[in-house]
Amino acid sequence: MTNRSHTPSSLLQSAIAANQFIITAEVMPPKGGDASHMVEMAKLLKGRVHGVNITDGSRAVMRMSSLAAAVLLKQEGIEPICQMACRDRNRIALQADLMGAHALGIHNVLALTGDPVKAGDNPKARGVFDLESVRLLRTIGLLNQGVDFNEKPMPNGALDIFAGAAVDPQCPSWSGLQKRFERKVEAGAQFFQSQLISDFDRLDKFMTQIAAPAQKPVLAGIFLLKSAKNAAFLNRNVPGVHIPEAIINRLAAADDPLQEGITIAAEQVKLAQSLCQGVHIMAIRREDLIPEILERAGVAPTISVPAAANGSSKAVQPHWAMA
């Protein structure tokens, strides 16, 4: 099921409709009630990205609600992409949050299954997983049509949610990757955000053999590596991640590993420009360096037009085009 055809309701949706090369970035909500640091980091990304993605209990670590954080960013004129994971909510709560997101002007949602509870800081918590990402996407499609999960009409109006999904082009099971991707497309995913990419040959193969027929934007996950130790930690602790030894050696040999990490990330953005339709940049706790990564990659700032009377935003076509 796909979203209804209408005027784009968000800057991200407008940019995708205009075939722009999409740039998104990630920020973590605070672990506490003071969101000022998150907001300040996100402010540095205004004019540089089409959307700021707010994590929802990433790695099952308790943090501020992604929806609440998205509203705080929107109040600052920052385009939010609200992650919504199925781990912590049943279908009643998920639908309630989606309705709330729409009412608060949050239209971009990344539908996720969620990391296992045991991976986080509350390992004795009970995971819900009433739905998973594919059924959440289908639920969003129903809500956008004005009916609920049980296909009963909603008397107070349909939603307008622009739904995305996650994908891992480096998944070892090629057939499993293809099946899962196709199910998410069929369920209504309008864009895809990939896990951290370190094998760009694999990304090329995925784009050519699996993603091309769907004609949905795929944003390659680009991670800012801060040191050889940081890269080795990711290899040990994050499933599906394999930072090549050559990159770890570059970081280890560098006089300034952080600057070398920025250079590597910029190189990867350039690679992605020739392979897919966008990038999603993750620079945990150093979101302030994302503009420098984009500058080194030769990516011009995005230009947004203030929201129109109907609440929509439009993006001016930049100098690059969709690959």
Protein backbone atom coordinates (compact mmCIF):
# COMPACT_ATOMS: atom_id res chain seq x y z
CA MET A 1 0.00 0.00 0.00
CA THR A 2 1.36 3.42 -0.92
CA ASN A 3 0.74 6.88 0.44
CA ARG A 4 -1.96 8.99 -1.09
CA SER A 5 -0.92 11.22 -3.97
CA HIS A 6 -0.85 14.85 -2.84
CA THR A 7 1.34 17.87 -2.48
CA PRO A 8 4.46 16.91 -0.48
CA SER A 9 4.01 17.68 3.20
CA SER A 10 7.69 17.89 4.16
CA LEU A 11 11.01 19.19 2.91
CA LEU A 12 12.30 15.62 2.66
CA GLN A 13 9.35 14.47 0.60
CA SER A 14 9.64 17.53 -1.67
CA ALA A 15 13.36 16.89 -2.24
CA ILE A 16 12.72 13.23 -3.09
CA ALA A 17 9.92 14.21 -5.48
CA ALA A 18 12.34 16.65 -7.15
CA ASN A 19 14.95 13.88 -7.64
CA GLN A 20 17.53 15.63 -5.48
CA PHE A 21 20.51 13.83 -3.96
CA ILE A 22 19.23 13.43 -0.41
CA ILE A 23 21.31 14.26 2.66
CA THR A 24 20.12 13.28 6.12
CA ALA A 25 21.96 13.14 9.42
CA GLU A 26 21.38 11.58 12.79
CA VAL A 27 21.17 13.01 16.29
CA MET A 28 20.58 11.21 19.58
CA PRO A 29 17.92 12.45 21.99
CA PRO A 30 19.21 13.33 25.47
CA LYS A 31 19.30 10.97 28.40
CA GLY A 32 17.55 13.41 30.68
CA GLY A 33 15.23 16.37 30.47
CA ASP A 34 17.62 18.95 28.99
CA ALA A 35 17.53 18.77 25.19
CA SER A 36 19.62 21.91 24.58
CA HIS A 37 22.73 20.07 23.35
CA MET A 38 20.73 17.98 20.87
CA VAL A 39 19.01 21.11 19.57
CA GLU A 40 22.29 23.00 19.21
CA MET A 41 23.85 20.11 17.26
CA ALA A 42 20.81 19.93 14.99
CA LYS A 43 20.87 23.71 14.40
CA LEU A 44 24.34 23.33 12.87
CA LEU A 45 22.76 21.11 10.19
CA LYS A 46 20.16 23.63 9.00
CA GLY A 47 20.63 24.33 5.32
CA ARG A 48 23.00 21.37 4.98
CA VAL A 49 20.63 18.41 5.18
CA HIS A 50 17.11 17.58 4.05
CA GLY A 51 16.22 16.00 7.37
CA VAL A 52 17.55 15.26 10.83
CA ASN A 53 16.86 11.72 11.99
CA ILE A 54 16.13 11.26 15.71
CA THR A 55 16.89 7.80 17.06
CA ASP A 56 14.28 5.84 19.01
CA GLY A 57 16.02 3.86 21.72
CA SER A 58 18.93 2.93 19.47
CA ARG A 59 20.76 -0.18 20.75
CA ALA A 60 17.91 -0.46 23.30
CA VAL A 61 19.38 2.39 25.37
CA MET A 62 16.79 4.50 27.15
CA ARG A 63 16.64 8.11 25.96
CA MET A 64 14.08 10.86 25.42
CA SER A 65 11.14 10.01 23.18
CA SER A 66 11.98 10.37 19.50
CA LEU A 67 8.60 12.01 18.92
CA ALA A 68 9.15 14.61 21.65
CA ALA A 69 12.64 15.33 20.32
CA ALA A 70 11.26 15.68 16.78
CA VAL A 71 8.78 18.30 17.98
CA LEU A 72 11.58 20.24 19.69
CA LEU A 73 13.56 20.29 16.43
CA LYS A 74 10.54 21.30 14.38
CA GLN A 75 9.98 24.25 16.73
CA GLU A 76 13.48 25.41 15.71
CA GLY A 77 12.67 25.15 12.00
CA ILE A 78 14.61 21.89 11.57
CA GLU A 79 13.12 19.13 9.41
CA PRO A 80 12.76 16.04 11.63
CA ILE A 81 12.63 12.37 10.69
CA CYS A 82 11.09 10.56 13.64
CA GLN A 83 12.23 6.99 14.15
CA MET A 84 9.53 4.67 15.46
CA ALA A 85 10.55 1.25 16.77
CA CYS A 86 8.17 -1.62 17.50
CA ARG A 87 10.19 -2.98 20.42
CA ASP A 88 8.60 -0.82 23.12
CA ARG A 89 4.99 -0.35 21.90
CA ASN A 90 2.03 -2.49 20.92
CA ARG A 91 -0.18 -1.68 17.93
CA ILE A 92 -2.41 0.60 20.04
CA ALA A 93 0.52 2.75 21.20
CA LEU A 94 2.15 2.82 17.76
CA GLN A 95 -1.03 4.07 16.13
CA ALA A 96 -1.54 6.60 18.93
CA ASP A 97 1.98 7.97 18.43
CA LEU A 98 1.51 8.15 14.66
CA MET A 99 -1.70 10.14 15.14
CA GLY A 100 0.11 12.41 17.57
CA ALA A 101 3.00 12.88 15.15
CA HIS A 102 0.62 13.94 12.39
CA ALA A 103 -1.23 16.35 14.68
CA LEU A 104 2.09 17.92 15.75
CA GLY A 105 3.25 18.39 12.15
CA ILE A 106 5.74 15.51 12.15
CA HIS A 107 5.30 13.76 8.80
CA ASN A 108 8.57 11.85 8.21
CA VAL A 109 8.72 8.50 10.05
CA LEU A 110 11.36 5.78 9.81
CA ALA A 111 9.64 2.48 10.64
CA LEU A 112 11.89 0.07 12.54
CA THR A 113 11.54 -3.24 14.33
CA GLY A 114 14.02 -2.16 17.03
CA ASP A 115 17.15 -3.60 18.60
CA PRO A 116 16.80 -6.47 21.11
CA VAL A 117 16.24 -5.40 24.71
CA LYS A 118 19.21 -7.40 26.02
CA ALA A 119 21.58 -5.19 24.00
CA GLY A 120 20.77 -2.09 26.02
CA ASP A 121 20.89 -0.55 29.47
CA ASN A 122 17.68 -2.15 30.74
CA PRO A 123 18.20 -5.82 29.86
CA LYS A 124 15.42 -6.98 32.20
CA ALA A 125 12.81 -4.88 30.42
CA ARG A 126 10.14 -6.71 28.45
CA GLY A 127 10.26 -6.29 24.68
CA VAL A 128 6.86 -5.87 23.03
CA PHE A 129 7.38 -6.53 19.30
CA ASP A 130 3.62 -6.73 18.75
CA LEU A 131 4.41 -5.58 15.20
CA GLU A 132 7.65 -5.44 13.22
CA SER A 133 8.77 -2.96 10.60
CA VAL A 134 6.84 -4.42 7.64
CA ARG A 135 3.54 -4.53 9.52
CA LEU A 136 4.22 -1.06 10.90
CA LEU A 137 4.66 0.21 7.32
CA ARG A 138 1.36 -1.42 6.36
CA THR A 139 -0.30 0.17 9.37
CA ILE A 140 0.98 3.60 8.31
CA GLY A 141 -0.47 2.97 4.85
CA LEU A 142 -3.86 2.18 6.38
CA LEU A 143 -3.79 5.27 8.62
CA ASN A 144 -2.92 7.39 5.58
CA GLN A 145 -6.06 5.99 3.93
CA GLY A 146 -8.20 6.94 6.92
CA VAL A 147 -8.64 3.50 8.46
CA ASP A 148 -6.99 1.90 11.49
CA PHE A 149 -5.10 -1.38 11.91
CA ASN A 150 -8.43 -3.25 11.94
CA GLU A 151 -9.47 -1.41 8.74
CA LYS A 152 -12.15 0.50 10.62
CA PRO A 153 -12.77 4.11 9.49
CA MET A 154 -11.22 6.82 11.69
CA PRO A 155 -13.88 9.49 12.28
CA ASN A 156 -11.35 12.28 12.85
CA GLY A 157 -9.47 12.08 9.62
CA ALA A 158 -6.67 10.32 7.77
CA LEU A 159 -2.97 10.83 8.50
CA ASP A 160 -0.24 12.14 6.21
CA ILE A 161 2.89 10.16 7.11
CA PHE A 162 5.85 9.83 4.74
CA ALA A 163 7.27 6.47 5.71
CA GLY A 164 10.79 5.15 5.31
CA ALA A 165 12.49 1.91 6.26
CA ALA A 166 15.93 0.53 7.08
CA VAL A 167 17.98 -1.75 4.83
CA ASP A 168 21.32 -3.53 5.22
CA PRO A 169 22.97 -4.04 1.80
CA GLN A 170 25.78 -5.94 3.53
CA CYS A 171 23.42 -8.61 4.89
CA PRO A 172 25.12 -11.99 4.36
CA SER A 173 21.90 -13.56 3.04
CA TRP A 174 21.36 -12.12 -0.44
CA SER A 175 17.99 -13.83 -0.93
CA GLY A 176 16.87 -12.75 2.53
CA LEU A 177 17.92 -9.16 1.81
CA GLN A 178 15.99 -9.11 -1.46
CA LYS A 179 12.86 -10.62 0.08
CA ARG A 180 12.87 -8.21 3.01
CA PHE A 181 13.49 -5.19 0.79
CA GLU A 182 10.68 -6.12 -1.60
CA ARG A 183 8.28 -6.70 1.30
CA LYS A 184 9.03 -3.23 2.66
CA VAL A 185 8.48 -1.65 -0.76
CA GLU A 186 5.17 -3.50 -1.09
CA ALA A 187 4.21 -2.39 2.42
CA GLY A 188 4.65 1.27 1.47
CA ALA A 189 8.24 2.36 2.23
CA GLN A 190 8.92 5.56 0.30
CA PHE A 191 12.65 5.76 1.05
CA PHE A 192 15.34 3.56 2.59
CA GLN A 193 18.09 4.36 5.04
CA SER A 194 20.95 1.87 5.06
CA GLN A 195 23.03 0.56 7.90
CA LEU A 196 26.69 1.62 8.01
CA ILE A 197 28.28 0.95 4.60
CA SER A 198 31.91 -0.11 4.42
CA ASP A 199 31.74 -2.30 1.27
CA PHE A 200 30.79 -0.04 -1.62
CA ASP A 201 31.12 -2.83 -4.16
CA ARG A 202 28.39 -4.61 -2.23
CA LEU A 203 26.30 -1.43 -2.23
CA ASP A 204 26.74 -1.18 -6.01
CA LYS A 205 25.57 -4.78 -6.43
CA PHE A 206 22.57 -4.16 -4.15
CA MET A 207 21.55 -1.04 -6.04
CA THR A 208 21.87 -2.75 -9.43
CA GLN A 209 20.37 -6.14 -8.66
CA ILE A 210 17.80 -5.46 -5.94
CA ALA A 211 16.96 -1.78 -5.46
CA ALA A 212 16.79 -0.51 -9.05
CA PRO A 213 13.35 -1.92 -9.97
CA ALA A 214 11.70 -0.33 -6.92
CA GLN A 215 12.81 3.21 -7.85
CA LYS A 216 12.83 4.26 -4.20
CA PRO A 217 15.64 6.45 -2.83
CA VAL A 218 18.31 4.55 -0.90
CA LEU A 219 20.47 6.60 1.50
CA ALA A 220 23.85 5.02 2.18
CA GLY A 221 24.83 5.02 5.85
CA ILE A 222 28.09 6.96 6.34
CA PHE A 223 29.69 6.77 9.78
CA LEU A 224 32.32 9.18 11.09
CA LEU A 225 35.13 7.01 12.48
CA LYS A 226 37.03 8.95 15.12
CA SER A 227 39.98 6.61 15.63
CA ALA A 228 41.27 3.10 14.97
CA LYS A 229 39.97 2.16 18.43
CA ASN A 230 36.51 3.44 17.51
CA ALA A 231 36.52 1.39 14.29
CA ALA A 232 37.66 -1.76 16.12
CA PHE A 233 34.89 -1.24 18.70
CA LEU A 234 32.28 -1.13 15.94
CA ASN A 235 33.66 -4.32 14.41
CA ARG A 236 33.42 -6.09 17.76
CA ASN A 237 30.10 -4.81 19.01
CA VAL A 238 27.79 -3.87 16.14
CA PRO A 239 26.29 -6.81 14.22
CA GLY A 240 26.79 -6.64 10.46
CA VAL A 241 29.56 -4.04 10.63
CA HIS A 242 32.97 -4.83 9.19
CA ILE A 243 35.35 -1.88 8.90
CA PRO A 244 38.12 -2.95 6.48
CA GLU A 245 41.61 -3.37 7.91
CA ALA A 246 42.91 -0.80 5.43
CA ILE A 247 40.69 1.90 6.95
CA ILE A 248 41.66 0.93 10.49
CA ASN A 249 45.34 1.13 9.49
CA ARG A 250 44.78 4.60 7.95
CA LEU A 251 43.27 5.82 11.21
CA ALA A 252 46.02 4.23 13.30
CA ALA A 253 48.79 5.80 11.19
CA ALA A 254 47.25 9.29 11.06
CA ASP A 255 48.73 12.16 13.06
CA ASP A 256 45.18 13.36 13.64
CA PRO A 257 42.82 10.34 13.53
CA LEU A 258 39.67 12.48 13.76
CA GLN A 259 40.66 14.54 10.72
CA GLU A 260 41.49 11.33 8.87
CA GLY A 261 38.05 10.03 9.81
CA ILE A 262 36.46 13.17 8.33
CA THR A 263 38.45 12.61 5.13
CA ILE A 264 37.34 8.97 4.93
CA ALA A 265 33.69 9.93 5.46
CA ALA A 266 33.94 12.57 2.72
CA GLU A 267 35.44 10.00 0.35
CA GLN A 268 32.55 7.67 1.10
CA VAL A 269 29.98 10.41 0.43
CA LYS A 270 31.59 10.91 -2.98
CA LEU A 271 31.43 7.17 -3.66
CA ALA A 272 27.76 7.09 -2.68
CA GLN A 273 26.96 9.93 -5.09
CA SER A 274 27.78 7.65 -8.01
CA LEU A 275 25.88 4.65 -6.64
CA CYS A 276 22.67 5.68 -4.89
CA GLN A 277 20.26 8.56 -4.28
CA GLY A 278 21.54 9.91 -0.99
CA VAL A 279 23.49 9.50 2.22
CA HIS A 280 22.62 9.29 5.89
CA ILE A 281 25.51 10.58 8.00
CA MET A 282 26.09 9.33 11.54
CA ALA A 283 28.63 11.27 13.63
CA ILE A 284 27.77 10.27 17.16
CA ARG A 285 28.51 13.09 19.62
CA ARG A 286 30.27 15.07 16.83
CA GLU A 287 27.32 16.13 14.71
CA ASP A 288 29.04 19.51 14.46
CA LEU A 289 31.51 17.94 12.03
CA ILE A 290 28.89 16.88 9.48
CA PRO A 291 29.01 20.20 7.56
CA GLU A 292 32.80 19.78 7.22
CA ILE A 293 32.34 16.24 5.86
CA LEU A 294 29.89 17.56 3.26
CA GLU A 295 32.21 20.43 2.32
CA ARG A 296 35.13 18.07 1.78
CA ALA A 297 32.87 15.88 -0.34
CA GLY A 298 31.97 18.88 -2.49
CA VAL A 299 28.28 18.80 -1.52
CA ALA A 300 26.70 22.24 -1.73
CA PRO A 301 24.32 23.43 1.00
CA THR A 302 20.64 22.62 0.55
CA ILE A 303 18.29 25.58 0.23
CA SER A 304 14.87 25.41 1.86
CA VAL A 305 11.90 27.70 1.38
CA PRO A 306 9.98 28.63 4.57
CA ALA A 307 6.86 26.59 5.23
CA ALA A 308 3.84 27.64 3.19
CA ALA A 309 0.44 28.32 4.64
CA ASN A 310 -0.53 24.65 4.36
CA GLY A 311 2.48 23.62 6.43
CA SER A 312 4.50 22.21 3.54
CA SER A 313 8.11 23.03 2.75
CA LYS A 314 9.87 23.05 -0.58
CA ALA A 315 13.49 22.54 -1.48
CA VAL A 316 15.29 24.32 -4.28
CA GLN A 317 17.03 21.91 -6.62
CA PRO A 318 20.78 21.92 -5.83
CA HIS A 319 23.59 21.36 -8.30
CA TRP A 320 23.57 17.57 -8.06
CA ALA A 321 20.93 15.21 -9.43
CA MET A 322 19.68 11.80 -8.42
CA ALA A 323 22.08 9.07 -9.49
